[in-house]
């Protein structure tokens, strides 16, 4: 039965790992090795904090202590692969203290594609598709946030493009769109880094 379970863990599409209570790798499957790009020998000589870029060593130790207290955890984090790429993952881990040496086992799922799609959706929800500037929704959210803030004074400048209707009527909306895009570029190039153009 043990060999059967080991074969399942070795062939699952999710990464699988076992850590000691200090966060050192004790066992890893092929999927995890493919995910992070390290050889089995390399990874088994590393600590989880060597590849988790969201937590410091101290934060990792505290996280492991919390898992020991709770018995399990489910969280998202970012791993750094051997070639330097960031891999967004969700981790489901369990603390097992019924053995001579307590261990953590964890399944690791690569969610990089999903995270990039979420970032794209978030970007589109706050940006104008034509100009790439922040949209009205973002502007209104920012104004509401500034009204609650104590960071004063705040300046707001509004601008209008002269004769845009005539340009659209005479030359067509595609030329009018180019006019809007060029105007957006000019304004964006003239503001400070911390300023918001929408």
N, C-alpha and C. Protein backbone atom coordinates (compact mmCIF):
# COMPACT_ATOMS: atom_id res chain seq x y z
N UNK A 1 0.83 -1.20 0.00
CA UNK A 1 0.00 0.00 0.00
C UNK A 1 0.87 1.25 0.00
N UNK A 2 1.98 1.22 0.80
CA UNK A 2 2.87 2.37 0.86
C UNK A 2 3.41 2.72 -0.52
N UNK A 3 3.85 1.71 -1.28
CA UNK A 3 4.37 1.95 -2.63
C UNK A 3 3.30 2.51 -3.55
N UNK A 4 2.06 2.06 -3.37
CA UNK A 4 0.94 2.55 -4.19
C UNK A 4 0.74 4.05 -3.96
N UNK A 5 0.72 4.47 -2.68
CA UNK A 5 0.55 5.89 -2.36
C UNK A 5 1.73 6.72 -2.85
N UNK A 6 2.92 6.18 -2.71
CA UNK A 6 4.10 6.91 -3.18
C UNK A 6 4.05 7.10 -4.69
N UNK A 7 3.55 6.07 -5.41
CA UNK A 7 3.44 6.18 -6.87
C UNK A 7 2.41 7.25 -7.24
N UNK A 8 1.29 7.30 -6.51
CA UNK A 8 0.27 8.32 -6.76
C UNK A 8 0.84 9.71 -6.53
N UNK A 9 1.57 9.90 -5.42
CA UNK A 9 2.15 11.21 -5.08
C UNK A 9 3.22 11.61 -6.10
N UNK A 10 3.94 10.62 -6.61
CA UNK A 10 5.01 10.92 -7.57
C UNK A 10 4.45 11.29 -8.94
N UNK A 11 3.26 10.78 -9.28
CA UNK A 11 2.73 11.02 -10.63
C UNK A 11 1.61 12.06 -10.69
N UNK A 12 1.21 12.62 -9.55
CA UNK A 12 0.16 13.63 -9.57
C UNK A 12 0.64 14.89 -10.29
N UNK A 13 -0.28 15.62 -10.91
CA UNK A 13 0.09 16.86 -11.61
C UNK A 13 0.47 17.97 -10.65
N UNK A 14 -0.05 17.92 -9.43
CA UNK A 14 0.31 18.92 -8.43
C UNK A 14 1.67 18.59 -7.84
N UNK A 15 2.37 19.65 -7.44
CA UNK A 15 3.61 19.42 -6.73
C UNK A 15 3.30 18.85 -5.35
N UNK A 16 4.17 17.99 -4.86
CA UNK A 16 4.01 17.44 -3.52
C UNK A 16 5.35 17.53 -2.82
N UNK A 17 5.31 17.89 -1.53
CA UNK A 17 6.55 17.99 -0.77
C UNK A 17 6.31 17.60 0.68
N UNK A 18 7.39 17.21 1.31
CA UNK A 18 7.40 16.98 2.76
C UNK A 18 8.54 17.82 3.32
N UNK A 19 8.23 18.57 4.38
CA UNK A 19 9.21 19.41 5.06
C UNK A 19 9.38 18.93 6.49
N UNK A 20 10.59 19.14 7.06
CA UNK A 20 10.73 18.93 8.49
C UNK A 20 10.22 20.17 9.21
N UNK A 21 10.23 20.17 10.53
CA UNK A 21 9.64 21.28 11.28
C UNK A 21 10.43 22.58 11.14
N UNK A 22 11.63 22.52 10.54
CA UNK A 22 12.41 23.74 10.28
C UNK A 22 12.21 24.26 8.86
N UNK A 23 11.45 23.52 8.06
CA UNK A 23 11.20 23.96 6.69
C UNK A 23 12.15 23.40 5.66
N UNK A 24 12.98 22.44 6.03
CA UNK A 24 13.89 21.80 5.08
C UNK A 24 13.13 20.74 4.28
N UNK A 25 13.44 20.66 2.97
CA UNK A 25 12.79 19.67 2.13
C UNK A 25 13.28 18.26 2.48
N UNK A 26 12.34 17.35 2.69
CA UNK A 26 12.67 15.94 2.95
C UNK A 26 12.29 15.06 1.76
N UNK A 27 11.23 15.44 1.07
CA UNK A 27 10.75 14.65 -0.08
C UNK A 27 10.03 15.59 -1.04
N UNK A 28 10.22 15.38 -2.34
CA UNK A 28 9.55 16.18 -3.37
C UNK A 28 9.19 15.25 -4.52
N UNK A 29 8.11 15.60 -5.23
CA UNK A 29 7.76 14.78 -6.39
C UNK A 29 8.24 15.45 -7.68
N UNK A 30 8.09 14.71 -8.77
CA UNK A 30 8.58 15.19 -10.08
C UNK A 30 7.88 16.47 -10.51
N UNK A 31 6.57 16.59 -10.23
CA UNK A 31 5.83 17.79 -10.64
C UNK A 31 6.40 19.04 -9.98
N UNK A 32 6.77 18.95 -8.70
CA UNK A 32 7.36 20.10 -8.02
C UNK A 32 8.71 20.45 -8.64
N UNK A 33 9.49 19.43 -8.95
CA UNK A 33 10.81 19.67 -9.57
C UNK A 33 10.64 20.39 -10.91
N UNK A 34 9.67 19.97 -11.72
CA UNK A 34 9.42 20.62 -13.00
C UNK A 34 8.95 22.06 -12.79
N UNK A 35 8.16 22.26 -11.75
CA UNK A 35 7.62 23.59 -11.47
C UNK A 35 8.74 24.59 -11.14
N UNK A 36 9.67 24.18 -10.28
CA UNK A 36 10.69 25.12 -9.80
C UNK A 36 12.02 25.01 -10.53
N UNK A 37 12.20 23.93 -11.33
CA UNK A 37 13.40 23.83 -12.17
C UNK A 37 14.65 23.33 -11.47
N UNK A 38 14.54 22.94 -10.21
CA UNK A 38 15.70 22.39 -9.50
C UNK A 38 15.72 20.88 -9.64
N UNK A 39 16.91 20.30 -9.51
CA UNK A 39 16.99 18.84 -9.47
C UNK A 39 16.56 18.37 -8.08
N UNK A 40 16.26 17.10 -7.97
CA UNK A 40 15.86 16.54 -6.68
C UNK A 40 16.98 16.75 -5.65
N UNK A 41 18.21 16.49 -6.07
CA UNK A 41 19.36 16.64 -5.17
C UNK A 41 19.49 18.08 -4.67
N UNK A 42 19.31 19.06 -5.58
CA UNK A 42 19.40 20.47 -5.19
C UNK A 42 18.31 20.83 -4.18
N UNK A 43 17.08 20.46 -4.50
CA UNK A 43 15.96 20.86 -3.65
C UNK A 43 16.02 20.21 -2.28
N UNK A 44 16.50 18.97 -2.22
CA UNK A 44 16.59 18.28 -0.94
C UNK A 44 17.71 18.83 -0.05
N UNK A 45 18.49 19.75 -0.58
CA UNK A 45 19.50 20.45 0.22
C UNK A 45 19.12 21.90 0.48
N UNK A 46 17.82 22.21 0.30
CA UNK A 46 17.34 23.58 0.45
C UNK A 46 16.25 23.65 1.50
N UNK A 47 15.94 24.89 1.89
CA UNK A 47 14.84 25.18 2.81
C UNK A 47 13.74 25.85 2.00
N UNK A 48 12.50 25.70 2.44
CA UNK A 48 11.38 26.30 1.70
C UNK A 48 11.55 27.82 1.58
N UNK A 49 12.20 28.44 2.56
CA UNK A 49 12.40 29.90 2.51
C UNK A 49 13.37 30.30 1.39
N UNK A 50 14.13 29.33 0.85
CA UNK A 50 15.03 29.62 -0.27
C UNK A 50 14.27 29.89 -1.56
N UNK A 51 13.05 29.36 -1.67
CA UNK A 51 12.30 29.55 -2.92
C UNK A 51 11.01 30.35 -2.73
N UNK A 52 10.57 30.55 -1.49
CA UNK A 52 9.36 31.35 -1.24
C UNK A 52 9.78 32.81 -1.14
N UNK A 53 9.35 33.64 -2.10
CA UNK A 53 9.83 35.03 -2.11
C UNK A 53 8.91 35.99 -1.37
N UNK A 54 7.80 35.49 -0.85
CA UNK A 54 6.88 36.38 -0.13
C UNK A 54 7.16 36.43 1.37
N UNK A 55 7.91 35.47 1.87
CA UNK A 55 8.18 35.43 3.30
C UNK A 55 9.69 35.43 3.57
N UNK A 56 10.09 36.16 4.61
CA UNK A 56 11.47 36.08 5.07
C UNK A 56 11.65 34.76 5.83
N UNK A 57 12.89 34.43 6.17
CA UNK A 57 13.13 33.20 6.94
C UNK A 57 12.35 33.23 8.25
N UNK A 58 12.35 34.38 8.91
CA UNK A 58 11.64 34.50 10.18
C UNK A 58 10.13 34.34 9.98
N UNK A 59 9.60 34.95 8.92
CA UNK A 59 8.17 34.82 8.63
C UNK A 59 7.81 33.37 8.31
N UNK A 60 8.70 32.67 7.61
CA UNK A 60 8.46 31.26 7.30
C UNK A 60 8.43 30.44 8.59
N UNK A 61 9.38 30.70 9.50
CA UNK A 61 9.39 29.98 10.79
C UNK A 61 8.09 30.22 11.55
N UNK A 62 7.64 31.48 11.58
CA UNK A 62 6.38 31.80 12.27
C UNK A 62 5.18 31.14 11.60
N UNK A 63 5.21 31.11 10.27
CA UNK A 63 4.12 30.48 9.52
C UNK A 63 4.05 28.99 9.86
N UNK A 64 5.22 28.34 9.90
CA UNK A 64 5.26 26.92 10.23
C UNK A 64 4.74 26.67 11.65
N UNK A 65 5.07 27.56 12.58
CA UNK A 65 4.56 27.44 13.95
C UNK A 65 3.04 27.56 13.97
N UNK A 66 2.51 28.50 13.20
CA UNK A 66 1.05 28.66 13.12
C UNK A 66 0.39 27.41 12.55
N UNK A 67 1.02 26.81 11.54
CA UNK A 67 0.46 25.58 10.96
C UNK A 67 0.51 24.46 11.99
N UNK A 68 1.58 24.41 12.77
CA UNK A 68 1.67 23.40 13.83
C UNK A 68 0.52 23.57 14.82
N UNK A 69 0.19 24.81 15.16
CA UNK A 69 -0.89 25.08 16.11
C UNK A 69 -2.26 24.76 15.53
N UNK A 70 -2.45 25.11 14.25
CA UNK A 70 -3.77 24.90 13.61
C UNK A 70 -3.94 23.49 13.07
N UNK A 71 -2.84 22.85 12.72
CA UNK A 71 -2.90 21.50 12.15
C UNK A 71 -2.85 21.49 10.64
N UNK A 72 -3.29 22.58 10.00
CA UNK A 72 -3.26 22.65 8.53
C UNK A 72 -3.39 24.10 8.10
N UNK A 73 -3.18 24.33 6.81
CA UNK A 73 -3.33 25.68 6.27
C UNK A 73 -3.52 25.59 4.75
N UNK A 74 -4.19 26.60 4.22
CA UNK A 74 -4.38 26.73 2.78
C UNK A 74 -4.07 28.18 2.45
N UNK A 75 -3.12 28.43 1.56
CA UNK A 75 -2.71 29.81 1.27
C UNK A 75 -2.10 29.90 -0.12
N UNK A 76 -1.96 31.14 -0.58
CA UNK A 76 -1.29 31.41 -1.85
C UNK A 76 0.04 32.08 -1.56
N UNK A 77 1.03 31.78 -2.38
CA UNK A 77 2.32 32.42 -2.23
C UNK A 77 3.01 32.44 -3.60
N UNK A 78 4.22 32.98 -3.63
CA UNK A 78 4.99 33.06 -4.87
C UNK A 78 6.32 32.37 -4.68
N UNK A 79 6.64 31.45 -5.57
CA UNK A 79 7.92 30.75 -5.53
C UNK A 79 8.82 31.29 -6.64
N UNK A 80 10.11 31.28 -6.35
CA UNK A 80 11.10 31.70 -7.36
C UNK A 80 11.73 30.44 -7.94
N UNK A 81 11.60 30.27 -9.25
CA UNK A 81 12.18 29.08 -9.89
C UNK A 81 13.69 29.28 -10.05
N UNK A 82 14.37 28.21 -10.40
CA UNK A 82 15.83 28.27 -10.56
C UNK A 82 16.24 29.28 -11.63
N UNK A 83 15.41 29.41 -12.68
CA UNK A 83 15.77 30.35 -13.76
C UNK A 83 15.30 31.78 -13.46
N UNK A 84 14.75 32.01 -12.25
CA UNK A 84 14.40 33.36 -11.82
C UNK A 84 12.97 33.77 -12.06
N UNK A 85 12.16 32.91 -12.67
CA UNK A 85 10.76 33.23 -12.90
C UNK A 85 9.95 33.12 -11.62
N UNK A 86 8.94 33.98 -11.50
CA UNK A 86 8.01 33.88 -10.39
C UNK A 86 6.90 32.90 -10.73
N UNK A 87 6.57 32.02 -9.80
CA UNK A 87 5.50 31.05 -9.98
C UNK A 87 4.49 31.28 -8.87
N UNK A 88 3.27 31.65 -9.25
CA UNK A 88 2.21 31.84 -8.25
C UNK A 88 1.59 30.48 -7.95
N UNK A 89 1.49 30.15 -6.67
CA UNK A 89 0.99 28.82 -6.29
C UNK A 89 -0.02 28.93 -5.16
N UNK A 90 -0.90 27.92 -5.09
CA UNK A 90 -1.72 27.74 -3.91
C UNK A 90 -1.22 26.48 -3.23
N UNK A 91 -1.18 26.54 -1.90
CA UNK A 91 -0.59 25.47 -1.11
C UNK A 91 -1.60 24.96 -0.10
N UNK A 92 -1.74 23.65 -0.05
CA UNK A 92 -2.57 23.01 0.97
C UNK A 92 -1.64 22.13 1.79
N UNK A 93 -1.47 22.49 3.06
CA UNK A 93 -0.48 21.79 3.88
C UNK A 93 -1.08 21.25 5.17
N UNK A 94 -0.52 20.16 5.65
CA UNK A 94 -0.96 19.52 6.88
C UNK A 94 0.24 19.22 7.76
N UNK A 95 0.08 19.46 9.03
CA UNK A 95 1.14 19.14 10.01
C UNK A 95 0.85 17.76 10.59
N UNK A 96 1.85 16.90 10.56
CA UNK A 96 1.69 15.54 11.09
C UNK A 96 2.69 15.35 12.23
N UNK A 97 2.17 15.22 13.46
CA UNK A 97 3.06 15.06 14.61
C UNK A 97 2.95 13.68 15.24
N UNK A 98 2.37 12.73 14.49
CA UNK A 98 2.20 11.38 15.04
C UNK A 98 3.42 10.51 14.78
N UNK A 99 4.49 11.09 14.27
CA UNK A 99 5.69 10.32 13.96
C UNK A 99 6.81 10.75 14.90
N UNK A 100 7.91 10.00 14.84
CA UNK A 100 9.06 10.33 15.70
C UNK A 100 9.56 11.74 15.41
N UNK A 101 9.64 12.07 14.12
CA UNK A 101 10.03 13.42 13.70
C UNK A 101 8.84 14.07 12.99
N UNK A 102 8.21 15.07 13.63
CA UNK A 102 7.04 15.72 13.01
C UNK A 102 7.39 16.30 11.63
N UNK A 103 6.40 16.27 10.73
CA UNK A 103 6.63 16.76 9.37
C UNK A 103 5.43 17.58 8.90
N UNK A 104 5.66 18.33 7.82
CA UNK A 104 4.59 19.01 7.09
C UNK A 104 4.54 18.37 5.71
N UNK A 105 3.34 17.99 5.27
CA UNK A 105 3.25 17.61 3.86
C UNK A 105 2.36 18.64 3.17
N UNK A 106 2.62 18.85 1.89
CA UNK A 106 1.89 19.90 1.19
C UNK A 106 1.72 19.56 -0.28
N UNK A 107 0.56 19.92 -0.80
CA UNK A 107 0.32 19.88 -2.24
C UNK A 107 0.42 21.32 -2.75
N UNK A 108 1.10 21.48 -3.87
CA UNK A 108 1.38 22.80 -4.43
C UNK A 108 0.84 22.83 -5.85
N UNK A 109 -0.08 23.78 -6.11
CA UNK A 109 -0.68 23.89 -7.45
C UNK A 109 -0.24 25.20 -8.11
N UNK A 110 0.25 25.11 -9.32
CA UNK A 110 0.68 26.29 -10.09
C UNK A 110 -0.57 27.05 -10.56
N UNK A 111 -0.72 28.30 -10.10
CA UNK A 111 -1.87 29.13 -10.50
C UNK A 111 -1.40 30.39 -11.24
N UNK A 112 -0.21 30.31 -11.84
CA UNK A 112 0.37 31.47 -12.53
C UNK A 112 -0.55 32.00 -13.62
N UNK A 113 -1.10 31.11 -14.45
CA UNK A 113 -1.98 31.55 -15.55
C UNK A 113 -3.21 32.25 -14.98
N UNK A 114 -3.81 31.66 -13.95
CA UNK A 114 -4.99 32.27 -13.32
C UNK A 114 -4.67 33.65 -12.74
N UNK A 115 -3.51 33.76 -12.08
CA UNK A 115 -3.11 35.05 -11.48
C UNK A 115 -2.92 36.11 -12.56
N UNK A 116 -2.32 35.72 -13.67
CA UNK A 116 -2.10 36.69 -14.75
C UNK A 116 -3.42 37.15 -15.35
N UNK A 117 -4.37 36.22 -15.47
CA UNK A 117 -5.71 36.57 -15.96
C UNK A 117 -6.41 37.51 -14.98
N UNK A 118 -6.25 37.25 -13.67
CA UNK A 118 -6.85 38.12 -12.65
C UNK A 118 -6.26 39.53 -12.73
N UNK A 119 -4.93 39.60 -12.92
CA UNK A 119 -4.26 40.90 -13.04
C UNK A 119 -4.75 41.65 -14.27
N UNK A 120 -4.95 40.90 -15.37
CA UNK A 120 -5.44 41.50 -16.61
C UNK A 120 -6.85 42.06 -16.40
N UNK A 121 -7.70 41.27 -15.76
CA UNK A 121 -9.08 41.72 -15.48
C UNK A 121 -9.06 42.95 -14.58
N UNK A 122 -8.20 42.92 -13.56
CA UNK A 122 -8.09 44.07 -12.64
C UNK A 122 -7.62 45.31 -13.41
N UNK A 123 -6.63 45.12 -14.28
CA UNK A 123 -6.12 46.24 -15.07
C UNK A 123 -7.25 46.82 -15.94
N UNK A 124 -7.97 45.93 -16.63
CA UNK A 124 -9.05 46.39 -17.52
C UNK A 124 -10.18 47.07 -16.76
N UNK A 125 -10.41 46.66 -15.51
CA UNK A 125 -11.51 47.26 -14.75
C UNK A 125 -11.18 48.68 -14.30
N UNK A 126 -9.91 49.06 -14.30
CA UNK A 126 -9.52 50.39 -13.85
C UNK A 126 -8.85 51.25 -14.92
N UNK A 127 -8.75 50.73 -16.14
CA UNK A 127 -8.08 51.48 -17.20
C UNK A 127 -8.97 51.63 -18.43
N UNK A 128 -8.80 52.77 -19.08
CA UNK A 128 -9.49 53.04 -20.34
C UNK A 128 -8.80 52.24 -21.44
N UNK A 129 -9.57 51.51 -22.23
CA UNK A 129 -8.98 50.65 -23.26
C UNK A 129 -8.32 51.44 -24.39
N UNK A 130 -8.83 52.61 -24.68
CA UNK A 130 -8.29 53.40 -25.79
C UNK A 130 -6.94 54.01 -25.44
N UNK A 131 -6.85 54.64 -24.27
CA UNK A 131 -5.65 55.41 -23.92
C UNK A 131 -4.71 54.69 -22.95
N UNK A 132 -5.23 53.71 -22.21
CA UNK A 132 -4.42 53.07 -21.17
C UNK A 132 -4.38 53.87 -19.88
N UNK A 133 -5.01 55.06 -19.88
CA UNK A 133 -5.07 55.86 -18.65
C UNK A 133 -6.11 55.25 -17.71
N UNK A 134 -6.07 55.68 -16.44
CA UNK A 134 -7.09 55.23 -15.50
C UNK A 134 -8.46 55.68 -16.00
N UNK A 135 -9.48 54.88 -15.73
CA UNK A 135 -10.83 55.21 -16.19
C UNK A 135 -11.62 55.97 -15.13
N UNK A 136 -12.85 56.29 -15.48
CA UNK A 136 -13.72 57.07 -14.58
C UNK A 136 -13.96 56.37 -13.25
N UNK A 137 -14.12 55.04 -13.31
CA UNK A 137 -14.35 54.28 -12.07
C UNK A 137 -13.18 54.46 -11.10
N UNK A 138 -11.95 54.34 -11.63
CA UNK A 138 -10.77 54.51 -10.78
C UNK A 138 -10.70 55.94 -10.25
N UNK A 139 -11.01 56.90 -11.12
CA UNK A 139 -11.00 58.31 -10.72
C UNK A 139 -11.97 58.56 -9.57
N UNK A 140 -13.19 58.03 -9.70
CA UNK A 140 -14.20 58.24 -8.65
C UNK A 140 -13.81 57.54 -7.35
N UNK A 141 -13.23 56.35 -7.46
CA UNK A 141 -12.74 55.65 -6.26
C UNK A 141 -11.62 56.45 -5.58
N UNK A 142 -10.75 57.04 -6.40
CA UNK A 142 -9.64 57.83 -5.86
C UNK A 142 -10.16 59.08 -5.17
N UNK A 143 -11.12 59.76 -5.78
CA UNK A 143 -11.71 60.96 -5.17
C UNK A 143 -12.35 60.60 -3.83
N UNK A 144 -13.08 59.49 -3.79
CA UNK A 144 -13.72 59.05 -2.54
C UNK A 144 -12.66 58.75 -1.48
N UNK A 145 -11.54 58.13 -1.90
CA UNK A 145 -10.45 57.83 -0.96
C UNK A 145 -9.80 59.11 -0.46
N UNK A 146 -9.62 60.07 -1.35
CA UNK A 146 -9.00 61.35 -0.97
C UNK A 146 -9.89 62.15 -0.02
N UNK A 147 -11.18 62.03 -0.17
CA UNK A 147 -12.11 62.74 0.73
C UNK A 147 -11.99 62.24 2.16
N UNK A 148 -11.58 60.96 2.32
CA UNK A 148 -11.40 60.40 3.66
C UNK A 148 -9.97 60.59 4.17
N UNK A 149 -9.08 61.02 3.29
CA UNK A 149 -7.67 61.14 3.64
C UNK A 149 -7.36 62.48 4.29
N UNK A 150 -6.28 62.51 5.03
CA UNK A 150 -5.81 63.76 5.64
C UNK A 150 -4.64 64.35 4.85
N UNK A 151 -4.33 63.74 3.71
CA UNK A 151 -3.23 64.23 2.88
C UNK A 151 -3.71 65.41 2.06
N UNK A 152 -3.52 66.58 2.56
CA UNK A 152 -3.97 67.80 1.90
C UNK A 152 -2.79 68.74 1.72
N UNK A 153 -2.80 69.68 0.82
CA UNK A 153 -3.86 69.93 -0.16
C UNK A 153 -3.77 68.95 -1.34
N UNK A 154 -4.86 68.82 -2.06
CA UNK A 154 -4.92 67.99 -3.26
C UNK A 154 -5.41 68.87 -4.41
N UNK A 155 -4.73 68.82 -5.52
CA UNK A 155 -5.15 69.59 -6.69
C UNK A 155 -5.79 68.69 -7.73
N UNK A 156 -6.85 69.19 -8.35
CA UNK A 156 -7.51 68.45 -9.43
C UNK A 156 -7.60 69.37 -10.64
N UNK A 157 -7.13 68.87 -11.77
CA UNK A 157 -7.20 69.64 -13.02
C UNK A 157 -8.08 68.86 -13.99
N UNK A 158 -9.04 69.54 -14.58
CA UNK A 158 -9.86 68.90 -15.61
C UNK A 158 -9.56 69.58 -16.94
N UNK A 159 -9.60 68.78 -17.99
CA UNK A 159 -9.29 69.31 -19.32
C UNK A 159 -10.25 68.73 -20.34
N UNK A 160 -10.42 69.46 -21.42
CA UNK A 160 -11.31 69.05 -22.50
C UNK A 160 -10.53 69.20 -23.80
N UNK A 161 -10.75 68.30 -24.75
CA UNK A 161 -10.08 68.41 -26.05
C UNK A 161 -10.94 69.29 -26.96
N UNK A 162 -10.35 70.37 -27.40
CA UNK A 162 -11.09 71.30 -28.28
C UNK A 162 -11.41 70.65 -29.61
N UNK A 163 -12.61 70.95 -30.10
CA UNK A 163 -13.04 70.58 -31.46
C UNK A 163 -13.03 69.08 -31.76
N UNK A 164 -13.16 68.25 -30.75
CA UNK A 164 -13.15 66.80 -30.98
C UNK A 164 -14.34 66.37 -31.85
N UNK A 165 -15.49 66.97 -31.61
CA UNK A 165 -16.68 66.61 -32.40
C UNK A 165 -16.45 66.91 -33.88
N UNK A 166 -15.87 68.08 -34.15
CA UNK A 166 -15.61 68.44 -35.54
C UNK A 166 -14.60 67.48 -36.20
N UNK A 167 -13.58 67.10 -35.42
CA UNK A 167 -12.58 66.16 -35.95
C UNK A 167 -13.26 64.84 -36.30
N UNK A 168 -14.10 64.34 -35.38
CA UNK A 168 -14.84 63.09 -35.64
C UNK A 168 -15.74 63.22 -36.87
N UNK A 169 -16.44 64.37 -36.97
CA UNK A 169 -17.37 64.57 -38.09
C UNK A 169 -16.65 64.69 -39.42
N UNK A 170 -15.51 65.40 -39.41
CA UNK A 170 -14.79 65.65 -40.67
C UNK A 170 -13.92 64.48 -41.11
N UNK A 171 -13.22 63.87 -40.15
CA UNK A 171 -12.21 62.87 -40.49
C UNK A 171 -12.55 61.45 -40.03
N UNK A 172 -13.61 61.28 -39.25
CA UNK A 172 -14.00 59.96 -38.77
C UNK A 172 -13.51 59.69 -37.35
N UNK A 173 -14.18 58.73 -36.72
CA UNK A 173 -13.88 58.43 -35.31
C UNK A 173 -12.50 57.81 -35.11
N UNK A 174 -11.98 57.11 -36.12
CA UNK A 174 -10.64 56.52 -35.95
C UNK A 174 -9.58 57.62 -35.82
N UNK A 175 -9.75 58.73 -36.57
CA UNK A 175 -8.82 59.87 -36.44
C UNK A 175 -9.05 60.56 -35.09
N UNK A 176 -10.31 60.69 -34.70
CA UNK A 176 -10.63 61.26 -33.39
C UNK A 176 -10.00 60.45 -32.27
N UNK A 177 -10.03 59.11 -32.40
CA UNK A 177 -9.40 58.24 -31.39
C UNK A 177 -7.90 58.46 -31.32
N UNK A 178 -7.27 58.64 -32.49
CA UNK A 178 -5.82 58.90 -32.50
C UNK A 178 -5.52 60.23 -31.81
N UNK A 179 -6.38 61.21 -32.02
CA UNK A 179 -6.25 62.53 -31.38
C UNK A 179 -6.32 62.37 -29.86
N UNK A 180 -7.28 61.57 -29.39
CA UNK A 180 -7.44 61.32 -27.94
C UNK A 180 -6.19 60.62 -27.39
N UNK A 181 -5.70 59.60 -28.12
CA UNK A 181 -4.53 58.84 -27.65
C UNK A 181 -3.29 59.73 -27.57
N UNK A 182 -3.11 60.57 -28.59
CA UNK A 182 -1.94 61.46 -28.58
C UNK A 182 -2.03 62.48 -27.44
N UNK A 183 -3.23 62.99 -27.22
CA UNK A 183 -3.43 63.94 -26.12
C UNK A 183 -3.12 63.27 -24.79
N UNK A 184 -3.59 62.03 -24.61
CA UNK A 184 -3.33 61.27 -23.38
C UNK A 184 -1.83 61.08 -23.16
N UNK A 185 -1.09 60.77 -24.24
CA UNK A 185 0.36 60.59 -24.14
C UNK A 185 1.04 61.88 -23.68
N UNK A 186 0.62 63.01 -24.27
CA UNK A 186 1.22 64.30 -23.93
C UNK A 186 0.98 64.62 -22.45
N UNK A 187 -0.29 64.50 -22.01
CA UNK A 187 -0.61 64.80 -20.61
C UNK A 187 0.15 63.87 -19.67
N UNK A 188 0.17 62.59 -20.01
CA UNK A 188 0.83 61.60 -19.15
C UNK A 188 2.33 61.86 -19.04
N UNK A 189 2.93 62.41 -20.09
CA UNK A 189 4.37 62.68 -20.08
C UNK A 189 4.72 63.93 -19.27
N UNK A 190 3.71 64.74 -18.93
CA UNK A 190 3.97 66.00 -18.25
C UNK A 190 3.70 65.98 -16.74
N UNK A 191 3.17 64.88 -16.23
CA UNK A 191 2.83 64.83 -14.81
C UNK A 191 3.92 64.11 -14.02
N UNK A 192 3.87 64.30 -12.70
CA UNK A 192 4.82 63.64 -11.81
C UNK A 192 4.45 62.17 -11.63
N UNK A 193 5.42 61.39 -11.15
CA UNK A 193 5.20 59.95 -11.00
C UNK A 193 4.01 59.63 -10.10
N UNK A 194 3.82 60.39 -9.03
CA UNK A 194 2.75 60.12 -8.07
C UNK A 194 1.40 60.66 -8.49
N UNK A 195 1.34 61.41 -9.59
CA UNK A 195 0.08 61.98 -10.03
C UNK A 195 -0.77 60.93 -10.76
N UNK A 196 -2.07 61.15 -10.78
CA UNK A 196 -2.99 60.22 -11.42
C UNK A 196 -3.63 60.92 -12.61
N UNK A 197 -3.53 60.31 -13.77
CA UNK A 197 -4.19 60.84 -14.97
C UNK A 197 -5.27 59.86 -15.35
N UNK A 198 -6.49 60.38 -15.48
CA UNK A 198 -7.58 59.47 -15.86
C UNK A 198 -8.47 60.15 -16.88
